[in-house]
Amino acid sequence: MEAEFAKRRRELLVECEVTSQIFDRVLPRLEWFMEPFIECLVRSEQREHANTFVRGLLSDLEHKNVESIAYRFGQERMPLQWFVGGLAQGSGLGLAQGSGLVFGVQAV
C-alpha cells in the first residue's frame, strides 16, 4: 500500500510543477489582484513587505517562513516579521474589510 501511495504521490507532484513561462504570466495578474489590499496600507514599507511576503510564498523556497523569505530578497527578517505579525494580530482582516474585498470578491 505504501509503495502504491509513494508512486501516486510522485505522479501527482510531477503534474503540479509549473513552468517558468506560465508563472511569468501569473505575476502581473497577482499584482492586479493585490492592488486593493496594498492601497489600504499607509506606509510604503508596508506595501513593500506585502509584496515581498507574497512573492516569497510563491517562490521556490523549501521553507516558506518569514525569515527565509526576508533573506531570499536580501532583507532583514525583523521588519518583515513585525509586518506579518501585525497581520496575524488582526489588521489583516482590516485590510480585507477596508478594501471592500473579502477573499477577492467585491463586497456589496
N, C-alpha and C. Protein backbone atom coordinates (compact mmCIF):
# COMPACT_ATOMS: atom_id res chain seq x y z
N MET A 1 0.81 -1.19 0.00
CA MET A 1 0.00 0.00 0.00
C MET A 1 0.86 1.26 0.00
N GLU A 2 1.91 1.28 0.83
CA GLU A 2 2.77 2.45 0.89
C GLU A 2 3.51 2.67 -0.42
N ALA A 3 3.90 1.60 -1.09
CA ALA A 3 4.58 1.72 -2.38
C ALA A 3 3.65 2.34 -3.42
N GLU A 4 2.37 1.92 -3.40
CA GLU A 4 1.39 2.50 -4.33
C GLU A 4 1.20 3.98 -4.04
N PHE A 5 1.10 4.32 -2.76
CA PHE A 5 0.94 5.72 -2.37
C PHE A 5 2.14 6.55 -2.83
N ALA A 6 3.33 6.05 -2.60
CA ALA A 6 4.55 6.78 -2.99
C ALA A 6 4.60 6.99 -4.50
N LYS A 7 4.21 5.98 -5.25
CA LYS A 7 4.20 6.09 -6.71
C LYS A 7 3.19 7.15 -7.15
N ARG A 8 1.98 7.09 -6.60
CA ARG A 8 0.94 8.06 -6.97
C ARG A 8 1.33 9.46 -6.55
N ARG A 9 1.98 9.58 -5.40
CA ARG A 9 2.44 10.89 -4.92
C ARG A 9 3.44 11.50 -5.90
N ARG A 10 4.39 10.69 -6.36
CA ARG A 10 5.37 11.18 -7.34
C ARG A 10 4.68 11.64 -8.63
N GLU A 11 3.70 10.87 -9.08
CA GLU A 11 2.96 11.24 -10.29
C GLU A 11 2.24 12.58 -10.11
N LEU A 12 1.60 12.75 -8.96
CA LEU A 12 0.88 14.00 -8.69
C LEU A 12 1.83 15.19 -8.60
N LEU A 13 2.98 14.99 -7.97
CA LEU A 13 3.94 16.09 -7.84
C LEU A 13 4.45 16.54 -9.21
N VAL A 14 4.65 15.61 -10.11
CA VAL A 14 5.09 15.97 -11.46
C VAL A 14 4.02 16.81 -12.15
N GLU A 15 2.75 16.45 -11.95
CA GLU A 15 1.66 17.21 -12.55
C GLU A 15 1.52 18.61 -11.96
N CYS A 16 2.01 18.82 -10.76
CA CYS A 16 1.87 20.11 -10.07
C CYS A 16 2.96 21.11 -10.45
N GLU A 17 3.97 20.69 -11.14
CA GLU A 17 5.06 21.59 -11.49
C GLU A 17 4.57 22.62 -12.50
N VAL A 18 4.95 23.86 -12.28
CA VAL A 18 4.55 24.97 -13.14
C VAL A 18 5.80 25.48 -13.85
N THR A 19 5.74 25.59 -15.15
CA THR A 19 6.90 26.08 -15.90
C THR A 19 7.08 27.57 -15.66
N SER A 20 8.27 28.05 -15.87
CA SER A 20 8.55 29.48 -15.65
C SER A 20 7.75 30.35 -16.61
N GLN A 21 7.45 29.87 -17.81
CA GLN A 21 6.67 30.65 -18.76
C GLN A 21 5.25 30.89 -18.24
N ILE A 22 4.65 29.88 -17.65
CA ILE A 22 3.31 30.04 -17.09
C ILE A 22 3.37 30.95 -15.87
N PHE A 23 4.35 30.74 -15.03
CA PHE A 23 4.46 31.52 -13.81
C PHE A 23 4.70 32.99 -14.12
N ASP A 24 5.44 33.30 -15.16
CA ASP A 24 5.69 34.69 -15.54
C ASP A 24 4.39 35.42 -15.88
N ARG A 25 3.41 34.70 -16.40
CA ARG A 25 2.13 35.32 -16.73
C ARG A 25 1.26 35.52 -15.49
N VAL A 26 1.54 34.78 -14.44
CA VAL A 26 0.74 34.87 -13.22
C VAL A 26 1.09 36.12 -12.42
N LEU A 27 2.35 36.50 -12.39
CA LEU A 27 2.78 37.62 -11.54
C LEU A 27 2.04 38.93 -11.85
N PRO A 28 1.86 39.34 -13.11
CA PRO A 28 1.09 40.57 -13.34
C PRO A 28 -0.36 40.45 -12.85
N ARG A 29 -0.96 39.29 -12.99
CA ARG A 29 -2.33 39.10 -12.51
C ARG A 29 -2.38 39.18 -11.00
N LEU A 30 -1.36 38.64 -10.35
CA LEU A 30 -1.30 38.69 -8.90
C LEU A 30 -1.16 40.14 -8.43
N GLU A 31 -0.31 40.90 -9.07
CA GLU A 31 -0.14 42.30 -8.71
C GLU A 31 -1.46 43.05 -8.85
N TRP A 32 -2.20 42.78 -9.92
CA TRP A 32 -3.50 43.41 -10.12
C TRP A 32 -4.47 43.01 -9.01
N PHE A 33 -4.47 41.72 -8.65
CA PHE A 33 -5.35 41.23 -7.60
C PHE A 33 -5.03 41.88 -6.25
N MET A 34 -3.76 42.10 -5.97
CA MET A 34 -3.34 42.64 -4.67
C MET A 34 -3.55 44.14 -4.54
N GLU A 35 -3.76 44.85 -5.64
CA GLU A 35 -3.86 46.32 -5.59
C GLU A 35 -4.82 46.84 -4.53
N PRO A 36 -6.07 46.36 -4.44
CA PRO A 36 -6.97 46.93 -3.42
C PRO A 36 -6.47 46.73 -1.99
N PHE A 37 -5.78 45.63 -1.76
CA PHE A 37 -5.26 45.36 -0.42
C PHE A 37 -4.04 46.24 -0.14
N ILE A 38 -3.17 46.36 -1.11
CA ILE A 38 -1.95 47.18 -0.96
C ILE A 38 -2.32 48.64 -0.75
N GLU A 39 -3.37 49.11 -1.44
CA GLU A 39 -3.78 50.51 -1.30
C GLU A 39 -4.21 50.85 0.12
N CYS A 40 -4.65 49.85 0.87
CA CYS A 40 -5.08 50.08 2.25
C CYS A 40 -3.90 50.28 3.20
N LEU A 41 -2.72 49.93 2.76
CA LEU A 41 -1.54 50.09 3.60
C LEU A 41 -1.07 51.53 3.52
N VAL A 42 -0.81 52.11 4.65
CA VAL A 42 -0.50 53.54 4.73
C VAL A 42 0.94 53.82 4.33
N ARG A 43 1.85 53.04 4.80
CA ARG A 43 3.27 53.32 4.60
C ARG A 43 3.83 52.54 3.42
N SER A 44 4.80 53.13 2.75
CA SER A 44 5.43 52.46 1.61
C SER A 44 6.15 51.18 2.04
N GLU A 45 6.69 51.18 3.27
CA GLU A 45 7.36 49.98 3.77
C GLU A 45 6.38 48.82 3.90
N GLN A 46 5.15 49.14 4.32
CA GLN A 46 4.14 48.10 4.44
C GLN A 46 3.81 47.51 3.07
N ARG A 47 3.71 48.35 2.08
CA ARG A 47 3.42 47.88 0.72
C ARG A 47 4.55 46.98 0.22
N GLU A 48 5.77 47.39 0.48
CA GLU A 48 6.93 46.59 0.07
C GLU A 48 6.93 45.24 0.79
N HIS A 49 6.63 45.24 2.08
CA HIS A 49 6.60 44.00 2.84
C HIS A 49 5.50 43.06 2.32
N ALA A 50 4.35 43.61 1.99
CA ALA A 50 3.26 42.78 1.47
C ALA A 50 3.68 42.12 0.16
N ASN A 51 4.29 42.89 -0.73
CA ASN A 51 4.74 42.32 -2.00
C ASN A 51 5.84 41.28 -1.77
N THR A 52 6.77 41.58 -0.89
CA THR A 52 7.85 40.64 -0.60
C THR A 52 7.30 39.34 -0.05
N PHE A 53 6.38 39.44 0.89
CA PHE A 53 5.85 38.24 1.52
C PHE A 53 5.11 37.35 0.52
N VAL A 54 4.28 37.95 -0.31
CA VAL A 54 3.53 37.15 -1.30
C VAL A 54 4.48 36.54 -2.32
N ARG A 55 5.46 37.32 -2.78
CA ARG A 55 6.44 36.77 -3.73
C ARG A 55 7.21 35.62 -3.10
N GLY A 56 7.50 35.73 -1.81
CA GLY A 56 8.20 34.65 -1.12
C GLY A 56 7.36 33.39 -1.02
N LEU A 57 6.07 33.57 -0.77
CA LEU A 57 5.19 32.40 -0.70
C LEU A 57 5.10 31.69 -2.04
N LEU A 58 5.25 32.45 -3.11
CA LEU A 58 5.19 31.86 -4.46
C LEU A 58 6.54 31.41 -4.97
N SER A 59 7.58 31.64 -4.21
CA SER A 59 8.93 31.31 -4.67
C SER A 59 9.20 29.81 -4.52
N ASP A 60 10.41 29.43 -4.90
CA ASP A 60 10.81 28.03 -4.79
C ASP A 60 11.51 27.72 -3.47
N LEU A 61 11.34 28.58 -2.49
CA LEU A 61 11.92 28.32 -1.17
C LEU A 61 11.37 27.01 -0.60
N GLU A 62 12.25 26.25 0.00
CA GLU A 62 11.81 24.99 0.60
C GLU A 62 10.96 25.25 1.85
N HIS A 63 11.39 26.22 2.66
CA HIS A 63 10.67 26.57 3.89
C HIS A 63 10.09 27.96 3.71
N LYS A 64 8.79 28.07 3.69
CA LYS A 64 8.11 29.34 3.42
C LYS A 64 7.81 30.06 4.74
N ASN A 65 8.85 30.43 5.46
CA ASN A 65 8.65 31.20 6.68
C ASN A 65 9.17 32.61 6.45
N VAL A 66 8.80 33.51 7.34
CA VAL A 66 9.14 34.92 7.16
C VAL A 66 10.65 35.13 7.09
N GLU A 67 11.39 34.45 7.93
CA GLU A 67 12.83 34.62 7.94
C GLU A 67 13.45 34.22 6.60
N SER A 68 13.07 33.06 6.08
CA SER A 68 13.61 32.60 4.80
C SER A 68 13.22 33.53 3.67
N ILE A 69 11.99 34.03 3.70
CA ILE A 69 11.53 34.95 2.66
C ILE A 69 12.32 36.24 2.71
N ALA A 70 12.51 36.80 3.89
CA ALA A 70 13.26 38.05 4.02
C ALA A 70 14.68 37.88 3.48
N TYR A 71 15.35 36.81 3.89
CA TYR A 71 16.73 36.60 3.44
C TYR A 71 16.79 36.34 1.94
N ARG A 72 15.78 35.68 1.39
CA ARG A 72 15.75 35.41 -0.05
C ARG A 72 15.81 36.70 -0.86
N PHE A 73 15.14 37.75 -0.34
CA PHE A 73 15.08 39.02 -1.04
C PHE A 73 16.06 40.06 -0.48
N GLY A 74 17.06 39.57 0.28
CA GLY A 74 18.12 40.45 0.78
C GLY A 74 17.67 41.45 1.82
N GLN A 75 16.69 41.07 2.63
CA GLN A 75 16.17 41.98 3.64
C GLN A 75 16.46 41.43 5.04
N GLU A 76 16.40 42.32 6.01
CA GLU A 76 16.48 41.89 7.39
C GLU A 76 15.16 41.22 7.75
N ARG A 77 15.20 40.27 8.65
CA ARG A 77 14.00 39.50 8.96
C ARG A 77 13.02 40.23 9.88
N MET A 78 13.52 41.04 10.80
CA MET A 78 12.65 41.64 11.82
C MET A 78 11.55 42.55 11.23
N PRO A 79 11.86 43.47 10.32
CA PRO A 79 10.76 44.30 9.79
C PRO A 79 9.66 43.49 9.12
N LEU A 80 10.04 42.46 8.37
CA LEU A 80 9.04 41.63 7.72
C LEU A 80 8.27 40.82 8.77
N GLN A 81 8.95 40.35 9.82
CA GLN A 81 8.27 39.63 10.89
C GLN A 81 7.27 40.53 11.62
N TRP A 82 7.65 41.78 11.86
CA TRP A 82 6.73 42.70 12.51
C TRP A 82 5.50 42.94 11.64
N PHE A 83 5.74 43.09 10.33
CA PHE A 83 4.63 43.31 9.41
C PHE A 83 3.67 42.11 9.42
N VAL A 84 4.21 40.91 9.24
CA VAL A 84 3.37 39.72 9.19
C VAL A 84 2.74 39.47 10.55
N GLY A 85 3.47 39.72 11.63
CA GLY A 85 2.91 39.56 12.96
C GLY A 85 1.74 40.50 13.19
N GLY A 86 1.82 41.71 12.68
CA GLY A 86 0.72 42.66 12.79
C GLY A 86 -0.50 42.18 12.04
N LEU A 87 -0.29 41.55 10.89
CA LEU A 87 -1.41 41.00 10.13
C LEU A 87 -2.06 39.86 10.90
N ALA A 88 -1.23 39.04 11.54
CA ALA A 88 -1.75 37.89 12.27
C ALA A 88 -2.56 38.34 13.50
N GLN A 89 -2.28 39.53 14.02
CA GLN A 89 -2.97 40.00 15.21
C GLN A 89 -4.25 40.75 14.88
N GLY A 90 -4.68 40.71 13.63
CA GLY A 90 -5.99 41.27 13.34
C GLY A 90 -6.04 42.32 12.27
N SER A 91 -4.94 42.99 11.98
CA SER A 91 -5.03 44.04 10.98
C SER A 91 -5.18 43.47 9.58
N GLY A 92 -4.91 42.18 9.39
CA GLY A 92 -5.10 41.56 8.08
C GLY A 92 -6.56 41.56 7.69
N LEU A 93 -7.45 41.27 8.65
CA LEU A 93 -8.88 41.31 8.38
C LEU A 93 -9.30 42.73 8.06
N GLY A 94 -8.69 43.67 8.76
CA GLY A 94 -8.99 45.07 8.48
C GLY A 94 -8.64 45.44 7.06
N LEU A 95 -7.56 44.87 6.53
CA LEU A 95 -7.21 45.13 5.14
C LEU A 95 -8.30 44.66 4.21
N ALA A 96 -8.81 43.46 4.44
CA ALA A 96 -9.85 42.93 3.58
C ALA A 96 -11.11 43.78 3.69
N GLN A 97 -11.47 44.16 4.90
CA GLN A 97 -12.69 44.94 5.08
C GLN A 97 -12.51 46.36 4.55
N GLY A 98 -11.34 46.95 4.79
CA GLY A 98 -11.10 48.31 4.35
C GLY A 98 -11.10 48.46 2.85
N SER A 99 -10.73 47.42 2.14
CA SER A 99 -10.70 47.50 0.69
C SER A 99 -12.05 47.17 0.08
N GLY A 100 -13.01 46.72 0.91
CA GLY A 100 -14.30 46.30 0.39
C GLY A 100 -14.24 44.91 -0.22
N LEU A 101 -13.16 44.21 -0.02
CA LEU A 101 -12.99 42.89 -0.60
C LEU A 101 -12.88 41.85 0.50
N VAL A 102 -13.49 40.73 0.29
CA VAL A 102 -13.32 39.60 1.18
C VAL A 102 -13.02 38.39 0.30
N PHE A 103 -11.84 37.83 0.43
CA PHE A 103 -11.40 36.71 -0.37
C PHE A 103 -11.51 37.00 -1.86
N GLY A 104 -11.20 38.23 -2.25
CA GLY A 104 -11.14 38.56 -3.66
C GLY A 104 -12.50 38.83 -4.29
N VAL A 105 -13.58 38.87 -3.51
CA VAL A 105 -14.90 39.13 -4.05
C VAL A 105 -15.35 40.50 -3.55
N GLN A 106 -15.80 41.33 -4.45
CA GLN A 106 -16.23 42.67 -4.09
C GLN A 106 -17.42 42.60 -3.13
N ALA A 107 -17.29 43.23 -1.98
CA ALA A 107 -18.37 43.24 -1.01
C ALA A 107 -19.45 44.21 -1.46
N VAL A 108 -20.70 43.87 -1.15
CA VAL A 108 -21.83 44.70 -1.53
C VAL A 108 -22.21 45.62 -0.40
